[in-house]
Amino acid sequence: MVDDFFGQEFRAEREPQTVLDLTRRGPNHAVSVLARGQLNDFYAESQRLPEATWAINRMRLGRTPLFY
């Protein structure tokens, strides 16, 4: 609602976010953890549970034209 009436102030005075993002990359995979929290009560910030993701690169199944 502040954006509707005071657009200039809304864009200039963004509330800082508290984010922790850790990523570990290997030759065929990547593991990432993302967490958001609220360190102080000055700003209202929505908190989320930590998220973890694991991604692997496509790999060929033997000598076939199929990939996993």
PDB file of N, CA and C in Angstrom:
ATOM      1  N   MET A   1       0.821  -1.182   0.000  1.00  0.00           N
ATOM      2  CA  MET A   1       0.000   0.000   0.000  1.00  0.00           C
ATOM      3  C   MET A   1       0.871   1.254   0.000  1.00  0.00           C
ATOM      4  N   VAL A   2       2.004   1.188   0.661  1.00  0.00           N
ATOM      5  CA  VAL A   2       2.915   2.333   0.665  1.00  0.00           C
ATOM      6  C   VAL A   2       3.402   2.608  -0.746  1.00  0.00           C
ATOM      7  N   ASP A   3       3.596   1.570  -1.523  1.00  0.00           N
ATOM      8  CA  ASP A   3       4.061   1.722  -2.898  1.00  0.00           C
ATOM      9  C   ASP A   3       3.056   2.497  -3.738  1.00  0.00           C
ATOM     10  N   ASP A   4       1.767   2.337  -3.492  1.00  0.00           N
ATOM     11  CA  ASP A   4       0.741   3.026  -4.269  1.00  0.00           C
ATOM     12  C   ASP A   4       0.762   4.533  -4.055  1.00  0.00           C
ATOM     13  N   PHE A   5       0.962   4.979  -2.836  1.00  0.00           N
ATOM     14  CA  PHE A   5       0.862   6.400  -2.525  1.00  0.00           C
ATOM     15  C   PHE A   5       2.216   7.103  -2.423  1.00  0.00           C
ATOM     16  N   PHE A   6       3.239   6.383  -1.991  1.00  0.00           N
ATOM     17  CA  PHE A   6       4.564   6.976  -1.820  1.00  0.00           C
ATOM     18  C   PHE A   6       5.594   6.127  -2.559  1.00  0.00           C
ATOM     19  N   GLY A   7       5.441   6.032  -3.856  1.00  0.00           N
ATOM     20  CA  GLY A   7       6.288   5.160  -4.671  1.00  0.00           C
ATOM     21  C   GLY A   7       7.762   5.477  -4.586  1.00  0.00           C
ATOM     22  N   GLN A   8       8.112   6.767  -4.619  1.00  0.00           N
ATOM     23  CA  GLN A   8       9.521   7.161  -4.592  1.00  0.00           C
ATOM     24  C   GLN A   8      10.193   6.752  -3.277  1.00  0.00           C
ATOM     25  N   GLU A   9       9.526   6.982  -2.148  1.00  0.00           N
ATOM     26  CA  GLU A   9      10.096   6.612  -0.857  1.00  0.00           C
ATOM     27  C   GLU A   9      10.166   5.097  -0.695  1.00  0.00           C
ATOM     28  N   PHE A  10       9.179   4.404  -1.245  1.00  0.00           N
ATOM     29  CA  PHE A  10       9.148   2.947  -1.130  1.00  0.00           C
ATOM     30  C   PHE A  10      10.336   2.321  -1.846  1.00  0.00           C
ATOM     31  N   ARG A  11      10.665   2.828  -3.024  1.00  0.00           N
ATOM     32  CA  ARG A  11      11.777   2.272  -3.781  1.00  0.00           C
ATOM     33  C   ARG A  11      13.130   2.650  -3.171  1.00  0.00           C
ATOM     34  N   ALA A  12      13.216   3.837  -2.589  1.00  0.00           N
ATOM     35  CA  ALA A  12      14.488   4.314  -2.045  1.00  0.00           C
ATOM     36  C   ALA A  12      14.808   3.689  -0.688  1.00  0.00           C
ATOM     37  N   GLU A  13      13.811   3.344   0.102  1.00  0.00           N
ATOM     38  CA  GLU A  13      14.035   2.860   1.463  1.00  0.00           C
ATOM     39  C   GLU A  13      13.594   1.404   1.612  1.00  0.00           C
ATOM     40  N   ARG A  14      14.234   0.527   0.907  1.00  0.00           N
ATOM     41  CA  ARG A  14      13.938  -0.902   1.016  1.00  0.00           C
ATOM     42  C   ARG A  14      14.389  -1.435   2.363  1.00  0.00           C
ATOM     43  N   GLU A  15      13.633  -2.367   2.901  1.00  0.00           N
ATOM     44  CA  GLU A  15      14.025  -3.013   4.146  1.00  0.00           C
ATOM     45  C   GLU A  15      15.092  -4.063   3.845  1.00  0.00           C
ATOM     46  N   PRO A  16      16.159  -4.110   4.629  1.00  0.00           N
ATOM     47  CA  PRO A  16      17.211  -5.100   4.371  1.00  0.00           C
ATOM     48  C   PRO A  16      16.719  -6.516   4.673  1.00  0.00           C
ATOM     49  N   GLN A  17      17.167  -7.465   3.873  1.00  0.00           N
ATOM     50  CA  GLN A  17      16.806  -8.865   4.074  1.00  0.00           C
ATOM     51  C   GLN A  17      17.974  -9.599   4.725  1.00  0.00           C
ATOM     52  N   THR A  18      17.643 -10.560   5.564  1.00  0.00           N
ATOM     53  CA  THR A  18      18.650 -11.407   6.188  1.00  0.00           C
ATOM     54  C   THR A  18      18.588 -12.765   5.500  1.00  0.00           C
ATOM     55  N   VAL A  19      19.597 -13.064   4.702  1.00  0.00           N
ATOM     56  CA  VAL A  19      19.607 -14.279   3.891  1.00  0.00           C
ATOM     57  C   VAL A  19      20.947 -14.989   4.062  1.00  0.00           C
ATOM     58  N   LEU A  20      20.887 -16.304   4.186  1.00  0.00           N
ATOM     59  CA  LEU A  20      22.084 -17.139   4.213  1.00  0.00           C
ATOM     60  C   LEU A  20      21.937 -18.162   3.094  1.00  0.00           C
ATOM     61  N   ASP A  21      22.871 -18.152   2.156  1.00  0.00           N
ATOM     62  CA  ASP A  21      22.823 -19.074   1.020  1.00  0.00           C
ATOM     63  C   ASP A  21      24.190 -19.743   0.891  1.00  0.00           C
ATOM     64  N   LEU A  22      24.224 -21.052   1.121  1.00  0.00           N
ATOM     65  CA  LEU A  22      25.460 -21.826   1.010  1.00  0.00           C
ATOM     66  C   LEU A  22      25.335 -22.785  -0.166  1.00  0.00           C
ATOM     67  N   THR A  23      26.361 -22.837  -0.987  1.00  0.00           N
ATOM     68  CA  THR A  23      26.355 -23.735  -2.141  1.00  0.00           C
ATOM     69  C   THR A  23      27.686 -24.467  -2.206  1.00  0.00           C
ATOM     70  N   ARG A  24      27.602 -25.765  -2.424  1.00  0.00           N
ATOM     71  CA  ARG A  24      28.801 -26.602  -2.609  1.00  0.00           C
ATOM     72  C   ARG A  24      28.659 -27.297  -3.951  1.00  0.00           C
ATOM     73  N   ARG A  25      29.647 -27.108  -4.813  1.00  0.00           N
ATOM     74  CA  ARG A  25      29.600 -27.696  -6.149  1.00  0.00           C
ATOM     75  C   ARG A  25      30.654 -28.777  -6.283  1.00  0.00           C
ATOM     76  N   GLY A  26      30.253 -29.859  -6.914  1.00  0.00           N
ATOM     77  CA  GLY A  26      31.167 -30.940  -7.231  1.00  0.00           C
ATOM     78  C   GLY A  26      31.237 -31.086  -8.742  1.00  0.00           C
ATOM     79  N   PRO A  27      31.965 -32.069  -9.236  1.00  0.00           N
ATOM     80  CA  PRO A  27      32.078 -32.237 -10.686  1.00  0.00           C
ATOM     81  C   PRO A  27      30.755 -32.613 -11.352  1.00  0.00           C
ATOM     82  N   ASN A  28      29.882 -33.340 -10.650  1.00  0.00           N
ATOM     83  CA  ASN A  28      28.623 -33.787 -11.254  1.00  0.00           C
ATOM     84  C   ASN A  28      27.391 -33.384 -10.465  1.00  0.00           C
ATOM     85  N   HIS A  29      27.555 -32.564  -9.430  1.00  0.00           N
ATOM     86  CA  HIS A  29      26.398 -32.225  -8.607  1.00  0.00           C
ATOM     87  C   HIS A  29      26.591 -30.864  -7.927  1.00  0.00           C
ATOM     88  N   ALA A  30      25.505 -30.358  -7.348  1.00  0.00           N
ATOM     89  CA  ALA A  30      25.544 -29.130  -6.549  1.00  0.00           C
ATOM     90  C   ALA A  30      24.554 -29.280  -5.403  1.00  0.00           C
ATOM     91  N   VAL A  31      24.969 -28.880  -4.211  1.00  0.00           N
ATOM     92  CA  VAL A  31      24.120 -28.912  -3.021  1.00  0.00           C
ATOM     93  C   VAL A  31      23.999 -27.475  -2.523  1.00  0.00           C
ATOM     94  N   SER A  32      22.772 -27.051  -2.205  1.00  0.00           N
ATOM     95  CA  SER A  32      22.548 -25.680  -1.779  1.00  0.00           C
ATOM     96  C   SER A  32      21.601 -25.642  -0.590  1.00  0.00           C
ATOM     97  N   VAL A  33      21.862 -24.724   0.346  1.00  0.00           N
ATOM     98  CA  VAL A  33      21.000 -24.502   1.511  1.00  0.00           C
ATOM     99  C   VAL A  33      20.676 -23.014   1.557  1.00  0.00           C
ATOM    100  N   LEU A  34      19.385 -22.685   1.682  1.00  0.00           N
ATOM    101  CA  LEU A  34      18.929 -21.301   1.739  1.00  0.00           C
ATOM    102  C   LEU A  34      18.119 -21.101   3.006  1.00  0.00           C
ATOM    103  N   ALA A  35      18.446 -20.056   3.775  1.00  0.00           N
ATOM    104  CA  ALA A  35      17.713 -19.755   5.008  1.00  0.00           C
ATOM    105  C   ALA A  35      17.453 -18.255   5.074  1.00  0.00           C
ATOM    106  N   ARG A  36      16.261 -17.892   5.520  1.00  0.00           N
ATOM    107  CA  ARG A  36      15.894 -16.491   5.730  1.00  0.00           C
ATOM    108  C   ARG A  36      15.379 -16.338   7.139  1.00  0.00           C
ATOM    109  N   GLY A  37      15.746 -15.267   7.784  1.00  0.00           N
ATOM    110  CA  GLY A  37      15.310 -15.068   9.158  1.00  0.00           C
ATOM    111  C   GLY A  37      15.184 -13.607   9.499  1.00  0.00           C
ATOM    112  N   GLN A  38      14.838 -13.344  10.728  1.00  0.00           N
ATOM    113  CA  GLN A  38      14.689 -11.985  11.222  1.00  0.00           C
ATOM    114  C   GLN A  38      15.622 -11.824  12.414  1.00  0.00           C
ATOM    115  N   LEU A  39      16.625 -10.963  12.276  1.00  0.00           N
ATOM    116  CA  LEU A  39      17.603 -10.784  13.337  1.00  0.00           C
ATOM    117  C   LEU A  39      17.173  -9.751  14.370  1.00  0.00           C
ATOM    118  N   ASN A  40      16.376  -8.775  13.959  1.00  0.00           N
ATOM    119  CA  ASN A  40      15.937  -7.750  14.906  1.00  0.00           C
ATOM    120  C   ASN A  40      14.462  -7.430  14.668  1.00  0.00           C
ATOM    121  N   ASP A  41      13.895  -6.633  15.551  1.00  0.00           N
ATOM    122  CA  ASP A  41      12.473  -6.300  15.461  1.00  0.00           C
ATOM    123  C   ASP A  41      12.214  -4.964  14.775  1.00  0.00           C
ATOM    124  N   PHE A  42      13.229  -4.347  14.189  1.00  0.00           N
ATOM    125  CA  PHE A  42      13.038  -3.056  13.541  1.00  0.00           C
ATOM    126  C   PHE A  42      12.172  -3.173  12.293  1.00  0.00           C
ATOM    127  N   TYR A  43      12.308  -4.254  11.555  1.00  0.00           N
ATOM    128  CA  TYR A  43      11.563  -4.457  10.321  1.00  0.00           C
ATOM    129  C   TYR A  43      10.773  -5.750  10.427  1.00  0.00           C
ATOM    130  N   ALA A  44       9.596  -5.730   9.844  1.00  0.00           N
ATOM    131  CA  ALA A  44       8.790  -6.953   9.794  1.00  0.00           C
ATOM    132  C   ALA A  44       9.229  -7.751   8.567  1.00  0.00           C
ATOM    133  N   GLU A  45       9.687  -8.945   8.791  1.00  0.00           N
ATOM    134  CA  GLU A  45      10.168  -9.792   7.698  1.00  0.00           C
ATOM    135  C   GLU A  45       9.599 -11.188   7.871  1.00  0.00           C
ATOM    136  N   SER A  46       9.103 -11.753   6.807  1.00  0.00           N
ATOM    137  CA  SER A  46       8.552 -13.104   6.903  1.00  0.00           C
ATOM    138  C   SER A  46       9.702 -14.109   6.968  1.00  0.00           C
ATOM    139  N   GLN A  47       9.587 -15.029   7.906  1.00  0.00           N
ATOM    140  CA  GLN A  47      10.606 -16.047   8.088  1.00  0.00           C
ATOM    141  C   GLN A  47      10.189 -17.308   7.348  1.00  0.00           C
ATOM    142  N   ARG A  48      11.171 -18.048   6.871  1.00  0.00           N
ATOM    143  CA  ARG A  48      10.909 -19.296   6.164  1.00  0.00           C
ATOM    144  C   ARG A  48      11.783 -20.382   6.756  1.00  0.00           C
ATOM    145  N   LEU A  49      11.307 -21.598   6.641  1.00  0.00           N
ATOM    146  CA  LEU A  49      12.129 -22.731   7.049  1.00  0.00           C
ATOM    147  C   LEU A  49      13.296 -22.864   6.075  1.00  0.00           C
ATOM    148  N   PRO A  50      14.430 -23.370   6.528  1.00  0.00           N
ATOM    149  CA  PRO A  50      15.561 -23.562   5.615  1.00  0.00           C
ATOM    150  C   PRO A  50      15.196 -24.526   4.479  1.00  0.00           C
ATOM    151  N   GLU A  51      15.710 -24.232   3.303  1.00  0.00           N
ATOM    152  CA  GLU A  51      15.467 -25.065   2.123  1.00  0.00           C
ATOM    153  C   GLU A  51      16.788 -25.673   1.677  1.00  0.00           C
ATOM    154  N   ALA A  52      16.758 -26.931   1.318  1.00  0.00           N
ATOM    155  CA  ALA A  52      17.949 -27.609   0.803  1.00  0.00           C
ATOM    156  C   ALA A  52      17.618 -28.198  -0.564  1.00  0.00           C
ATOM    157  N   THR A  53      18.534 -28.058  -1.500  1.00  0.00           N
ATOM    158  CA  THR A  53      18.348 -28.630  -2.834  1.00  0.00           C
ATOM    159  C   THR A  53      19.607 -29.402  -3.220  1.00  0.00           C
ATOM    160  N   TRP A  54      19.394 -30.412  -4.035  1.00  0.00           N
ATOM    161  CA  TRP A  54      20.492 -31.215  -4.567  1.00  0.00           C
ATOM    162  C   TRP A  54      20.231 -31.399  -6.050  1.00  0.00           C
ATOM    163  N   ALA A  55      21.164 -30.998  -6.868  1.00  0.00           N
ATOM    164  CA  ALA A  55      21.013 -31.098  -8.316  1.00  0.00           C
ATOM    165  C   ALA A  55      22.190 -31.883  -8.882  1.00  0.00           C
ATOM    166  N   ILE A  56      21.880 -32.769  -9.812  1.00  0.00           N
ATOM    167  CA  ILE A  56      22.939 -33.537 -10.464  1.00  0.00           C
ATOM    168  C   ILE A  56      22.913 -33.238 -11.957  1.00  0.00           C
ATOM    169  N   ASN A  57      24.082 -33.310 -12.568  1.00  0.00           N
ATOM    170  CA  ASN A  57      24.176 -33.112 -14.012  1.00  0.00           C
ATOM    171  C   ASN A  57      23.639 -34.336 -14.739  1.00  0.00           C
ATOM    172  N   ARG A  58      23.217 -34.118 -15.962  1.00  0.00           N
ATOM    173  CA  ARG A  58      22.765 -35.257 -16.771  1.00  0.00           C
ATOM    174  C   ARG A  58      23.940 -36.178 -17.044  1.00  0.00           C
ATOM    175  N   MET A  59      23.678 -37.490 -16.926  1.00  0.00           N
ATOM    176  CA  MET A  59      24.731 -38.474 -17.169  1.00  0.00           C
ATOM    177  C   MET A  59      24.224 -39.516 -18.157  1.00  0.00           C
ATOM    178  N   ARG A  60      25.107 -39.932 -19.019  1.00  0.00           N
ATOM    179  CA  ARG A  60      24.758 -40.952 -19.999  1.00  0.00           C
ATOM    180  C   ARG A  60      24.697 -42.314 -19.319  1.00  0.00           C
ATOM    181  N   LEU A  61      23.716 -43.114 -19.682  1.00  0.00           N
ATOM    182  CA  LEU A  61      23.565 -44.467 -19.143  1.00  0.00           C
ATOM    183  C   LEU A  61      24.332 -45.440 -20.033  1.00  0.00           C
ATOM    184  N   GLY A  62      25.558 -45.729 -19.628  1.00  0.00           N
ATOM    185  CA  GLY A  62      26.395 -46.646 -20.405  1.00  0.00           C
ATOM    186  C   GLY A  62      26.731 -46.068 -21.763  1.00  0.00           C
ATOM    187  N   ARG A  63      26.650 -46.914 -22.796  1.00  0.00           N
ATOM    188  CA  ARG A  63      26.924 -46.466 -24.165  1.00  0.00           C
ATOM    189  C   ARG A  63      25.640 -46.249 -24.949  1.00  0.00           C
ATOM    190  N   THR A  64      24.549 -46.121 -24.255  1.00  0.00           N
ATOM    191  CA  THR A  64      23.259 -45.904 -24.913  1.00  0.00           C
ATOM    192  C   THR A  64      23.052 -44.414 -25.166  1.00  0.00           C
ATOM    193  N   PRO A  65      22.097 -44.059 -26.009  1.00  0.00           N
ATOM    194  CA  PRO A  65      21.793 -42.636 -26.222  1.00  0.00           C
ATOM    195  C   PRO A  65      20.870 -42.074 -25.131  1.00  0.00           C
ATOM    196  N   LEU A  66      20.696 -42.815 -24.041  1.00  0.00           N
ATOM    197  CA  LEU A  66      19.812 -42.384 -22.959  1.00  0.00           C
ATOM    198  C   LEU A  66      20.603 -41.660 -21.874  1.00  0.00           C
ATOM    199  N   PHE A  67      19.970 -40.640 -21.316  1.00  0.00           N
ATOM    200  CA  PHE A  67      20.585 -39.862 -20.240  1.00  0.00           C
ATOM    201  C   PHE A  67      19.699 -39.898 -19.011  1.00  0.00           C
ATOM    202  N   TYR A  68      20.336 -39.804 -17.854  1.00  0.00           N
ATOM    203  CA  TYR A  68      19.596 -39.717 -16.603  1.00  0.00           C
ATOM    204  C   TYR A  68      19.739 -38.315 -16.075  1.00  0.00           C
TER     205      TYR A  68
END
